[in-house]
Amino acid sequence: MLAKVTEKDMERVAELAHLELAPEETGRMLRDLNAILDYVAELNELDTMGVVPLAQVSELGDVGGPSAPRADRLEPSLKRDAVMTQAPESDRSFFKVPKVIDR
């Protein structure tokens, strides 16, 4: 791989993702990102001529095993009153949760 992720690149990506990396995480993250890009570059070298592209993996055919999608059917849900009484805070219709994104 020719282009490597620099520390400056990684800081910009962390900023865009609203991540705060501790100084001890920086080196490890930089190594991991470059390893991922090296692996993608290696995959790009594979000859895929004649391989039909997939829109999703379920096109592979036999997906009827234990990981097959469940049938889509209507089932009763929990009663709102019973759930809301268990919530730490609610307005009797919705859960109230602390703000997690501060911009």
Protein backbone atom coordinates (compact mmCIF):
# COMPACT_ATOMS: atom_id res chain seq x y z
CA MET A 1 0.00 0.00 0.00
CA LEU A 2 1.44 3.35 -0.99
CA ALA A 3 -0.69 5.85 0.92
CA LYS A 4 -0.71 5.47 4.66
CA VAL A 5 -3.03 7.05 7.18
CA THR A 6 -1.08 9.74 8.99
CA GLU A 7 -1.63 10.89 12.53
CA LYS A 8 -3.13 14.09 11.11
CA ASP A 9 -5.58 12.04 8.98
CA MET A 10 -6.56 9.98 11.98
CA GLU A 11 -7.14 13.08 14.12
CA ARG A 12 -9.42 14.50 11.42
CA VAL A 13 -11.43 11.26 11.16
CA ALA A 14 -11.76 11.14 14.95
CA GLU A 15 -12.94 14.75 14.92
CA LEU A 16 -15.55 14.03 12.23
CA ALA A 17 -16.75 10.99 14.22
CA HIS A 18 -16.80 13.03 17.44
CA LEU A 19 -14.31 10.64 19.07
CA GLU A 20 -11.84 11.67 21.70
CA LEU A 21 -8.78 9.45 21.53
CA ALA A 22 -6.50 9.22 24.53
CA PRO A 23 -2.80 9.65 23.69
CA GLU A 24 -2.14 5.95 24.37
CA GLU A 25 -4.85 5.00 21.85
CA THR A 26 -3.41 7.05 18.99
CA GLY A 27 -0.55 4.71 18.03
CA ARG A 28 -2.70 1.60 18.25
CA MET A 29 -5.50 3.19 16.20
CA LEU A 30 -3.05 4.37 13.56
CA ARG A 31 -1.57 0.86 13.30
CA ASP A 32 -5.04 -0.73 13.06
CA LEU A 33 -6.29 1.67 10.38
CA ASN A 34 -3.20 1.11 8.26
CA ALA A 35 -3.49 -2.67 8.69
CA ILE A 36 -7.10 -2.54 7.49
CA LEU A 37 -6.15 -0.47 4.46
CA ASP A 38 -3.26 -2.83 3.68
CA TYR A 39 -5.68 -5.77 3.77
CA VAL A 40 -8.14 -3.97 1.47
CA ALA A 41 -5.28 -3.27 -0.94
CA GLU A 42 -4.41 -6.97 -0.84
CA LEU A 43 -8.03 -7.89 -1.61
CA ASN A 44 -8.04 -5.43 -4.51
CA GLU A 45 -5.25 -7.47 -6.13
CA LEU A 46 -7.47 -10.56 -6.42
CA ASP A 47 -8.74 -11.51 -9.87
CA THR A 48 -12.52 -11.20 -9.70
CA MET A 49 -13.21 -11.39 -13.43
CA GLY A 50 -16.19 -13.66 -14.00
CA VAL A 51 -17.46 -13.34 -10.45
CA VAL A 52 -21.02 -12.09 -10.43
CA PRO A 53 -21.45 -9.19 -7.99
CA LEU A 54 -23.94 -9.62 -5.15
CA ALA A 55 -26.34 -6.95 -3.99
CA GLN A 56 -26.63 -8.79 -0.67
CA VAL A 57 -25.48 -12.11 0.71
CA SER A 58 -28.95 -13.65 0.69
CA GLU A 59 -28.51 -13.97 -3.07
CA LEU A 60 -26.14 -16.84 -2.36
CA GLY A 61 -29.06 -19.26 -2.40
CA ASP A 62 -29.24 -21.79 0.42
CA VAL A 63 -29.88 -19.57 3.44
CA GLY A 64 -32.46 -21.85 5.06
CA GLY A 65 -30.32 -22.86 8.02
CA PRO A 66 -30.48 -21.59 11.58
CA SER A 67 -29.44 -18.11 10.45
CA ALA A 68 -32.36 -17.81 8.02
CA PRO A 69 -34.53 -14.71 8.47
CA ARG A 70 -37.54 -15.35 10.68
CA ALA A 71 -41.03 -15.14 9.27
CA ASP A 72 -42.47 -11.64 9.35
CA ARG A 73 -45.58 -11.91 11.49
CA LEU A 74 -47.53 -9.71 13.84
CA GLU A 75 -46.99 -10.50 17.51
CA PRO A 76 -48.33 -8.76 20.61
CA SER A 77 -45.98 -6.29 22.26
CA LEU A 78 -45.65 -5.26 25.89
CA LYS A 79 -48.35 -3.07 27.33
CA ARG A 80 -47.25 0.58 27.47
CA ASP A 81 -48.41 1.09 31.06
CA ALA A 82 -46.41 -1.90 32.30
CA VAL A 83 -43.27 -0.72 30.53
CA MET A 84 -43.52 2.94 31.51
CA THR A 85 -43.80 2.08 35.22
CA GLN A 86 -40.38 0.38 34.94
CA ALA A 87 -38.69 3.38 33.26
CA PRO A 88 -36.41 5.54 35.43
CA GLU A 89 -38.10 8.59 33.88
CA SER A 90 -40.95 8.96 31.41
CA ASP A 91 -43.81 11.26 30.47
CA ARG A 92 -46.18 8.24 30.49
CA SER A 93 -45.91 7.98 26.68
CA PHE A 94 -42.17 8.03 26.00
CA PHE A 95 -38.94 7.23 27.82
CA LYS A 96 -36.94 10.28 28.87
CA VAL A 97 -33.23 9.80 28.34
CA PRO A 98 -30.23 12.03 28.97
CA LYS A 99 -28.86 14.03 26.08
CA VAL A 100 -25.96 12.15 24.50
CA ILE A 101 -24.96 14.42 21.61
CA ASP A 102 -23.74 17.86 22.47
CA ARG A 103 -22.70 20.03 19.51
